[in-house]
Each structure stands twice: as C-alpha cells, then as structure tokens.
Amino acid sequence: MELPALPDDAVELGATVADWRGAIELAGSVLTRIGAARPGYTAAMVHMVQERGPYIVIAPGLALAHARSDVEVQADGLAVVTLAQPVAFGHPHNDPVRVVLALAAASPERHLPMLAAIANAFNARGAVERIAAATTAAEVRAALGAQTPAG
C-alpha cells in the first residue's frame, strides 16, 4: 500500500507549539483542513496518548499520532507537521519530537497497511532529519516517497 497523497495543505512547516498536546492538536487540525477527519478525531488522538503514554513517538524525533478509525474519519489522510522547537512527549529514548505525522484511516482494514507504508517510508536513513529541515511540501513528499494528489 502506498501512503495517502500529500497535498501542500497537508503540510505545516516550522510550527510553534507549547507541548505534545499542542503538536497533536495542530496535526489534527491539518487532517480536518484537508477533509480527512472531523475535529473529534483530534480529541481521540490526544486521548490515546493520555491513556497509553507516548507510544506514538516511534523513532528519535518522530511522533505518529493516530486513533481508531471511526465516524470522525472521513477519508484516508496524512498530515505532516514540523516544529520550530522540538517538544517532549515523555518518551524515554525518542524525545524530543521535531516531526509529527497524523494518520487517519477511513476503515480499520486500511489502518495497519497505512501504518506499514509509513514505517517503510522511514526505513530510509535520515528521513526524519530531511523532513525536519524541509522548507517546502515538495521536499516533505520527496523524503516520504509520497505522491502529489492528482488534480
């Protein structure tokens, strides 16, 4: 499975947030902006971290925010947020976070394949650093191997 298309408005570069919650809320607002999710999905992503801890910090400097597919998800979507100043999520090894991805899967059957596609994108050495340093959405797409939406 390929990553969902990544339109320019799904990428927020050099954002400033106060903490991990602000980082997830911003990434969730990007999913809402691109029509992938309703605002309730953002609350669900925050709740997952409150309930389960910083398990979403999957690599040094990288958080992958997501929640269960439900009525708050309208379409498959991926949002990428880079942070001007890294924030701590409370992970013992992978903090602080500079890149936050938010994933919305339109169905439970698509959730795991989409997570696998993201994991494959980050198999490339230096992917987090390239995304953190990106100054355009095109650079982010190149680092992820993501497609520009047709249209």
N, C-alpha and C. Protein backbone atom coordinates (compact mmCIF):
# COMPACT_ATOMS: atom_id res chain seq x y z
N MET A 1 0.84 -1.18 0.00
CA MET A 1 0.00 0.00 0.00
C MET A 1 0.89 1.24 0.00
N GLU A 2 0.48 2.23 -0.74
CA GLU A 2 1.18 3.50 -0.76
C GLU A 2 0.64 4.41 0.33
N LEU A 3 1.42 5.42 0.64
CA LEU A 3 0.94 6.45 1.55
C LEU A 3 -0.20 7.20 0.90
N PRO A 4 -1.08 7.79 1.70
CA PRO A 4 -2.10 8.67 1.10
C PRO A 4 -1.40 9.84 0.40
N ALA A 5 -2.04 10.38 -0.61
CA ALA A 5 -1.50 11.55 -1.28
C ALA A 5 -1.29 12.65 -0.24
N LEU A 6 -0.29 13.48 -0.48
CA LEU A 6 0.06 14.53 0.47
C LEU A 6 0.00 15.89 -0.22
N PRO A 7 -1.19 16.52 -0.21
CA PRO A 7 -1.30 17.84 -0.82
C PRO A 7 -0.52 18.87 0.00
N ASP A 8 -0.21 19.99 -0.64
CA ASP A 8 0.54 21.04 0.06
C ASP A 8 -0.13 21.46 1.36
N ASP A 9 -1.46 21.53 1.38
CA ASP A 9 -2.13 21.99 2.59
C ASP A 9 -2.20 20.93 3.69
N ALA A 10 -1.61 19.76 3.44
CA ALA A 10 -1.49 18.73 4.48
C ALA A 10 -0.15 18.83 5.20
N VAL A 11 0.63 19.84 4.84
CA VAL A 11 1.96 20.02 5.41
C VAL A 11 2.04 21.37 6.10
N GLU A 12 2.48 21.35 7.35
CA GLU A 12 2.65 22.57 8.15
C GLU A 12 4.11 22.59 8.61
N LEU A 13 4.87 23.56 8.13
CA LEU A 13 6.31 23.59 8.39
C LEU A 13 6.68 24.67 9.40
N GLY A 14 7.61 24.34 10.31
CA GLY A 14 8.15 25.30 11.24
C GLY A 14 7.15 25.84 12.25
N ALA A 15 6.23 25.00 12.67
CA ALA A 15 5.18 25.43 13.60
C ALA A 15 5.74 25.58 15.01
N THR A 16 5.09 26.42 15.78
CA THR A 16 5.42 26.61 17.18
C THR A 16 4.25 26.13 18.02
N VAL A 17 4.54 25.21 18.93
CA VAL A 17 3.52 24.69 19.85
C VAL A 17 4.11 24.69 21.25
N ALA A 18 3.24 24.67 22.24
CA ALA A 18 3.70 24.72 23.63
C ALA A 18 4.15 23.36 24.16
N ASP A 19 3.50 22.28 23.67
CA ASP A 19 3.76 20.97 24.26
C ASP A 19 3.26 19.88 23.31
N TRP A 20 3.33 18.62 23.76
CA TRP A 20 2.92 17.50 22.93
C TRP A 20 1.45 17.60 22.53
N ARG A 21 0.63 18.05 23.44
CA ARG A 21 -0.80 18.17 23.15
C ARG A 21 -1.01 19.18 22.02
N GLY A 22 -0.33 20.30 22.08
CA GLY A 22 -0.43 21.30 21.02
C GLY A 22 0.05 20.76 19.68
N ALA A 23 1.08 19.91 19.71
CA ALA A 23 1.59 19.31 18.48
C ALA A 23 0.53 18.39 17.85
N ILE A 24 -0.10 17.57 18.68
CA ILE A 24 -1.14 16.67 18.17
C ILE A 24 -2.35 17.47 17.70
N GLU A 25 -2.72 18.48 18.47
CA GLU A 25 -3.88 19.29 18.07
C GLU A 25 -3.64 20.00 16.74
N LEU A 26 -2.43 20.48 16.52
CA LEU A 26 -2.12 21.12 15.24
C LEU A 26 -2.18 20.10 14.11
N ALA A 27 -1.57 18.93 14.31
CA ALA A 27 -1.60 17.89 13.27
C ALA A 27 -3.04 17.47 12.99
N GLY A 28 -3.85 17.36 14.04
CA GLY A 28 -5.25 17.01 13.85
C GLY A 28 -6.02 18.08 13.09
N SER A 29 -5.70 19.34 13.36
CA SER A 29 -6.37 20.42 12.63
C SER A 29 -6.01 20.39 11.15
N VAL A 30 -4.81 19.91 10.84
CA VAL A 30 -4.43 19.76 9.43
C VAL A 30 -5.26 18.65 8.79
N LEU A 31 -5.45 17.54 9.50
CA LEU A 31 -6.32 16.48 8.96
C LEU A 31 -7.73 17.01 8.72
N THR A 32 -8.22 17.85 9.62
CA THR A 32 -9.55 18.45 9.43
C THR A 32 -9.55 19.38 8.23
N ARG A 33 -8.51 20.19 8.10
CA ARG A 33 -8.40 21.13 6.98
C ARG A 33 -8.44 20.43 5.63
N ILE A 34 -7.82 19.25 5.54
CA ILE A 34 -7.79 18.55 4.24
C ILE A 34 -9.00 17.64 4.03
N GLY A 35 -9.91 17.63 5.01
CA GLY A 35 -11.13 16.85 4.86
C GLY A 35 -11.02 15.39 5.21
N ALA A 36 -9.92 14.99 5.85
CA ALA A 36 -9.74 13.59 6.22
C ALA A 36 -10.46 13.22 7.51
N ALA A 37 -10.63 14.21 8.40
CA ALA A 37 -11.24 13.91 9.69
C ALA A 37 -12.00 15.12 10.22
N ARG A 38 -12.89 14.82 11.14
CA ARG A 38 -13.60 15.87 11.87
C ARG A 38 -12.80 16.19 13.14
N PRO A 39 -13.10 17.31 13.80
CA PRO A 39 -12.34 17.69 14.99
C PRO A 39 -12.33 16.64 16.11
N GLY A 40 -13.35 15.84 16.21
CA GLY A 40 -13.37 14.81 17.24
C GLY A 40 -12.24 13.81 17.13
N TYR A 41 -11.70 13.64 15.93
CA TYR A 41 -10.58 12.72 15.74
C TYR A 41 -9.34 13.25 16.45
N THR A 42 -9.16 14.56 16.44
CA THR A 42 -8.04 15.16 17.14
C THR A 42 -8.13 14.84 18.63
N ALA A 43 -9.30 15.01 19.19
CA ALA A 43 -9.50 14.69 20.61
C ALA A 43 -9.20 13.22 20.88
N ALA A 44 -9.56 12.34 19.96
CA ALA A 44 -9.28 10.92 20.13
C ALA A 44 -7.78 10.64 20.10
N MET A 45 -7.04 11.34 19.25
CA MET A 45 -5.58 11.16 19.20
C MET A 45 -4.94 11.61 20.51
N VAL A 46 -5.38 12.73 21.05
CA VAL A 46 -4.87 13.22 22.33
C VAL A 46 -5.21 12.21 23.43
N HIS A 47 -6.43 11.71 23.42
CA HIS A 47 -6.86 10.75 24.43
C HIS A 47 -6.00 9.48 24.41
N MET A 48 -5.61 9.03 23.21
CA MET A 48 -4.78 7.83 23.10
C MET A 48 -3.45 8.02 23.85
N VAL A 49 -2.86 9.19 23.73
CA VAL A 49 -1.59 9.45 24.42
C VAL A 49 -1.84 9.57 25.93
N GLN A 50 -2.92 10.23 26.31
CA GLN A 50 -3.23 10.34 27.73
C GLN A 50 -3.45 8.96 28.35
N GLU A 51 -4.09 8.08 27.60
CA GLU A 51 -4.43 6.75 28.09
C GLU A 51 -3.25 5.78 28.04
N ARG A 52 -2.46 5.84 26.98
CA ARG A 52 -1.43 4.82 26.74
C ARG A 52 -0.01 5.32 26.83
N GLY A 53 0.17 6.62 27.03
CA GLY A 53 1.52 7.16 27.12
C GLY A 53 2.09 7.49 25.75
N PRO A 54 3.38 7.81 25.70
CA PRO A 54 3.99 8.33 24.47
C PRO A 54 4.41 7.25 23.46
N TYR A 55 3.62 6.19 23.36
CA TYR A 55 3.95 5.11 22.43
C TYR A 55 3.99 5.59 20.97
N ILE A 56 3.38 6.73 20.68
CA ILE A 56 3.35 7.24 19.31
C ILE A 56 4.68 7.84 18.89
N VAL A 57 5.60 8.02 19.82
CA VAL A 57 6.94 8.52 19.47
C VAL A 57 7.73 7.29 19.04
N ILE A 58 7.72 7.04 17.73
CA ILE A 58 8.16 5.76 17.19
C ILE A 58 9.62 5.72 16.79
N ALA A 59 10.28 6.86 16.75
CA ALA A 59 11.70 6.95 16.40
C ALA A 59 12.22 8.26 16.96
N PRO A 60 13.53 8.39 17.07
CA PRO A 60 14.05 9.67 17.58
C PRO A 60 13.53 10.85 16.76
N GLY A 61 12.85 11.76 17.47
CA GLY A 61 12.35 12.98 16.84
C GLY A 61 11.06 12.84 16.08
N LEU A 62 10.43 11.66 16.07
CA LEU A 62 9.26 11.40 15.23
C LEU A 62 8.08 10.86 16.03
N ALA A 63 6.94 11.54 15.92
CA ALA A 63 5.70 11.05 16.52
C ALA A 63 4.69 10.75 15.42
N LEU A 64 3.97 9.66 15.58
CA LEU A 64 2.94 9.25 14.63
C LEU A 64 1.61 9.20 15.37
N ALA A 65 0.87 10.31 15.32
CA ALA A 65 -0.41 10.41 16.00
C ALA A 65 -1.50 9.73 15.17
N HIS A 66 -2.31 8.94 15.84
CA HIS A 66 -3.43 8.28 15.18
C HIS A 66 -4.38 7.77 16.25
N ALA A 67 -5.55 7.41 15.82
CA ALA A 67 -6.56 6.83 16.72
C ALA A 67 -7.33 5.80 15.91
N ARG A 68 -8.28 5.18 16.54
CA ARG A 68 -9.09 4.18 15.84
C ARG A 68 -9.90 4.82 14.73
N SER A 69 -10.08 4.07 13.66
CA SER A 69 -10.97 4.52 12.59
C SER A 69 -12.38 4.53 13.14
N ASP A 70 -13.08 5.63 12.97
CA ASP A 70 -14.47 5.71 13.42
C ASP A 70 -15.19 6.78 12.62
N VAL A 71 -16.34 7.19 13.09
CA VAL A 71 -17.15 8.15 12.34
C VAL A 71 -16.47 9.50 12.19
N GLU A 72 -15.47 9.79 13.02
CA GLU A 72 -14.76 11.06 12.92
C GLU A 72 -13.81 11.09 11.73
N VAL A 73 -13.50 9.93 11.16
CA VAL A 73 -12.62 9.86 9.99
C VAL A 73 -13.48 9.86 8.74
N GLN A 74 -13.20 10.78 7.85
CA GLN A 74 -13.98 10.92 6.63
C GLN A 74 -13.30 10.31 5.41
N ALA A 75 -11.97 10.24 5.43
CA ALA A 75 -11.20 9.71 4.29
C ALA A 75 -9.80 9.40 4.78
N ASP A 76 -9.09 8.56 4.04
CA ASP A 76 -7.68 8.33 4.35
C ASP A 76 -6.97 9.67 4.26
N GLY A 77 -6.07 9.92 5.19
CA GLY A 77 -5.33 11.16 5.15
C GLY A 77 -4.07 11.10 5.98
N LEU A 78 -3.11 11.92 5.57
CA LEU A 78 -1.85 12.05 6.27
C LEU A 78 -1.54 13.53 6.39
N ALA A 79 -1.15 13.95 7.58
CA ALA A 79 -0.71 15.33 7.82
C ALA A 79 0.71 15.27 8.34
N VAL A 80 1.51 16.24 7.94
CA VAL A 80 2.89 16.33 8.41
C VAL A 80 3.10 17.72 9.01
N VAL A 81 3.59 17.74 10.24
CA VAL A 81 3.89 18.99 10.94
C VAL A 81 5.34 18.94 11.38
N THR A 82 6.11 19.98 11.04
CA THR A 82 7.45 20.11 11.60
C THR A 82 7.42 21.23 12.62
N LEU A 83 8.22 21.08 13.65
CA LEU A 83 8.21 22.01 14.76
C LEU A 83 9.47 22.87 14.77
N ALA A 84 9.29 24.17 14.96
CA ALA A 84 10.43 25.09 15.03
C ALA A 84 11.28 24.76 16.26
N GLN A 85 10.62 24.41 17.35
CA GLN A 85 11.30 23.98 18.58
C GLN A 85 10.75 22.62 18.96
N PRO A 86 11.62 21.62 19.10
CA PRO A 86 11.14 20.28 19.47
C PRO A 86 10.42 20.30 20.81
N VAL A 87 9.49 19.35 20.98
CA VAL A 87 8.75 19.22 22.24
C VAL A 87 8.88 17.80 22.78
N ALA A 88 8.80 17.70 24.09
CA ALA A 88 8.87 16.40 24.76
C ALA A 88 7.48 15.78 24.84
N PHE A 89 7.41 14.50 24.54
CA PHE A 89 6.18 13.73 24.69
C PHE A 89 6.26 12.82 25.92
N GLY A 90 7.44 12.74 26.52
CA GLY A 90 7.62 11.87 27.67
C GLY A 90 8.18 10.50 27.32
N HIS A 91 8.70 10.36 26.11
CA HIS A 91 9.30 9.08 25.72
C HIS A 91 10.72 9.01 26.26
N PRO A 92 11.10 7.87 26.85
CA PRO A 92 12.42 7.80 27.48
C PRO A 92 13.60 7.84 26.51
N HIS A 93 13.39 7.50 25.24
CA HIS A 93 14.52 7.42 24.31
C HIS A 93 14.39 8.31 23.08
N ASN A 94 13.18 8.56 22.63
CA ASN A 94 12.98 9.21 21.33
C ASN A 94 12.61 10.69 21.40
N ASP A 95 12.48 11.25 22.60
CA ASP A 95 12.24 12.69 22.75
C ASP A 95 13.54 13.44 22.48
N PRO A 96 13.45 14.71 22.13
CA PRO A 96 12.24 15.48 21.82
C PRO A 96 11.80 15.25 20.38
N VAL A 97 10.55 15.59 20.09
CA VAL A 97 9.95 15.37 18.78
C VAL A 97 10.06 16.64 17.94
N ARG A 98 10.49 16.44 16.69
CA ARG A 98 10.58 17.55 15.73
C ARG A 98 9.60 17.40 14.59
N VAL A 99 9.16 16.16 14.34
CA VAL A 99 8.24 15.87 13.23
C VAL A 99 7.05 15.09 13.78
N VAL A 100 5.85 15.59 13.49
CA VAL A 100 4.62 14.92 13.90
C VAL A 100 3.84 14.56 12.65
N LEU A 101 3.55 13.28 12.49
CA LEU A 101 2.66 12.81 11.44
C LEU A 101 1.32 12.50 12.10
N ALA A 102 0.25 12.81 11.42
CA ALA A 102 -1.08 12.41 11.89
C ALA A 102 -1.71 11.59 10.78
N LEU A 103 -2.20 10.43 11.14
CA LEU A 103 -2.75 9.49 10.18
C LEU A 103 -4.22 9.26 10.47
N ALA A 104 -5.03 9.33 9.44
CA ALA A 104 -6.45 8.98 9.54
C ALA A 104 -6.71 7.88 8.50
N ALA A 105 -7.26 6.78 8.96
CA ALA A 105 -7.61 5.68 8.06
C ALA A 105 -9.13 5.57 8.01
N ALA A 106 -9.66 5.51 6.80
CA ALA A 106 -11.11 5.51 6.61
C ALA A 106 -11.77 4.22 7.08
N SER A 107 -10.99 3.16 7.24
CA SER A 107 -11.55 1.91 7.73
C SER A 107 -10.50 1.16 8.54
N PRO A 108 -10.93 0.32 9.47
CA PRO A 108 -9.96 -0.46 10.25
C PRO A 108 -9.07 -1.33 9.36
N GLU A 109 -9.59 -1.79 8.24
CA GLU A 109 -8.80 -2.65 7.34
C GLU A 109 -7.66 -1.88 6.69
N ARG A 110 -7.78 -0.58 6.59
CA ARG A 110 -6.74 0.23 5.95
C ARG A 110 -5.72 0.75 6.96
N HIS A 111 -6.08 0.74 8.24
CA HIS A 111 -5.23 1.34 9.27
C HIS A 111 -3.83 0.70 9.31
N LEU A 112 -3.76 -0.62 9.47
CA LEU A 112 -2.45 -1.28 9.57
C LEU A 112 -1.64 -1.18 8.29
N PRO A 113 -2.23 -1.38 7.10
CA PRO A 113 -1.42 -1.19 5.89
C PRO A 113 -0.87 0.23 5.74
N MET A 114 -1.64 1.22 6.18
CA MET A 114 -1.15 2.59 6.12
C MET A 114 -0.01 2.81 7.10
N LEU A 115 -0.12 2.24 8.30
CA LEU A 115 0.99 2.32 9.26
C LEU A 115 2.24 1.66 8.69
N ALA A 116 2.06 0.52 8.02
CA ALA A 116 3.20 -0.17 7.42
C ALA A 116 3.85 0.68 6.32
N ALA A 117 3.04 1.35 5.53
CA ALA A 117 3.59 2.22 4.48
C ALA A 117 4.40 3.36 5.08
N ILE A 118 3.93 3.90 6.19
CA ILE A 118 4.68 4.96 6.86
C ILE A 118 6.00 4.41 7.41
N ALA A 119 5.93 3.24 8.03
CA ALA A 119 7.15 2.62 8.55
C ALA A 119 8.17 2.41 7.43
N ASN A 120 7.70 1.96 6.28
CA ASN A 120 8.60 1.75 5.14
C ASN A 120 9.24 3.06 4.69
N ALA A 121 8.47 4.14 4.73
CA ALA A 121 9.00 5.44 4.32
C ALA A 121 10.13 5.87 5.24
N PHE A 122 10.06 5.46 6.51
CA PHE A 122 11.09 5.87 7.46
C PHE A 122 12.22 4.85 7.59
N ASN A 123 12.23 3.82 6.74
CA ASN A 123 13.37 2.91 6.69
C ASN A 123 14.58 3.61 6.11
N ALA A 124 14.33 4.62 5.30
CA ALA A 124 15.45 5.37 4.69
C ALA A 124 16.18 6.15 5.76
N ARG A 125 17.47 5.98 5.81
CA ARG A 125 18.30 6.68 6.80
C ARG A 125 18.17 8.20 6.61
N GLY A 126 17.97 8.90 7.70
CA GLY A 126 17.92 10.35 7.65
C GLY A 126 16.58 10.94 7.25
N ALA A 127 15.53 10.12 7.14
CA ALA A 127 14.23 10.63 6.70
C ALA A 127 13.68 11.68 7.67
N VAL A 128 13.78 11.42 8.97
CA VAL A 128 13.26 12.38 9.95
C VAL A 128 14.00 13.71 9.81
N GLU A 129 15.31 13.65 9.68
CA GLU A 129 16.10 14.87 9.56
C GLU A 129 15.74 15.64 8.29
N ARG A 130 15.55 14.92 7.18
CA ARG A 130 15.19 15.60 5.92
C ARG A 130 13.83 16.28 6.04
N ILE A 131 12.88 15.62 6.68
CA ILE A 131 11.56 16.23 6.85
C ILE A 131 11.65 17.42 7.80
N ALA A 132 12.38 17.27 8.91
CA ALA A 132 12.51 18.37 9.87
C ALA A 132 13.14 19.60 9.23
N ALA A 133 14.03 19.39 8.26
CA ALA A 133 14.73 20.50 7.61
C ALA A 133 14.00 21.02 6.37
N ALA A 134 12.94 20.36 5.96
CA ALA A 134 12.23 20.73 4.73
C ALA A 134 11.69 22.16 4.82
N THR A 135 11.74 22.84 3.68
CA THR A 135 11.18 24.19 3.60
C THR A 135 9.99 24.25 2.65
N THR A 136 9.68 23.13 2.01
CA THR A 136 8.51 23.07 1.12
C THR A 136 7.81 21.73 1.28
N ALA A 137 6.54 21.69 0.90
CA ALA A 137 5.79 20.44 0.92
C ALA A 137 6.41 19.44 -0.06
N ALA A 138 6.95 19.92 -1.16
CA ALA A 138 7.58 19.02 -2.14
C ALA A 138 8.77 18.29 -1.52
N GLU A 139 9.53 18.98 -0.69
CA GLU A 139 10.66 18.33 -0.01
C GLU A 139 10.17 17.27 0.97
N VAL A 140 9.07 17.53 1.64
CA VAL A 140 8.50 16.55 2.56
C VAL A 140 8.04 15.32 1.77
N ARG A 141 7.32 15.56 0.66
CA ARG A 141 6.86 14.43 -0.17
C ARG A 141 8.04 13.60 -0.66
N ALA A 142 9.12 14.26 -1.07
CA ALA A 142 10.29 13.53 -1.56
C ALA A 142 10.89 12.68 -0.44
N ALA A 143 10.98 13.21 0.76
CA ALA A 143 11.56 12.48 1.87
C ALA A 143 10.70 11.26 2.25
N LEU A 144 9.39 11.40 2.09
CA LEU A 144 8.46 10.31 2.44
C LEU A 144 8.20 9.34 1.28
N GLY A 145 8.51 9.77 0.08
CA GLY A 145 8.13 8.98 -1.07
C GLY A 145 6.64 9.07 -1.32
N ALA A 146 6.03 10.17 -0.89
CA ALA A 146 4.58 10.37 -1.05
C ALA A 146 4.28 11.01 -2.39
N GLN A 147 3.03 10.87 -2.80
CA GLN A 147 2.58 11.40 -4.08
C GLN A 147 1.89 12.74 -3.91
N THR A 148 1.98 13.55 -4.95
CA THR A 148 1.16 14.75 -5.03
C THR A 148 -0.21 14.30 -5.49
N PRO A 149 -1.28 14.83 -4.91
CA PRO A 149 -2.60 14.41 -5.35
C PRO A 149 -2.84 14.79 -6.81
N ALA A 150 -3.55 13.94 -7.52
CA ALA A 150 -3.92 14.25 -8.90
C ALA A 150 -4.95 15.36 -8.88
N GLY A 151 -4.92 16.17 -9.89
CA GLY A 151 -5.96 17.14 -9.88
C GLY A 151 -5.61 18.39 -10.55
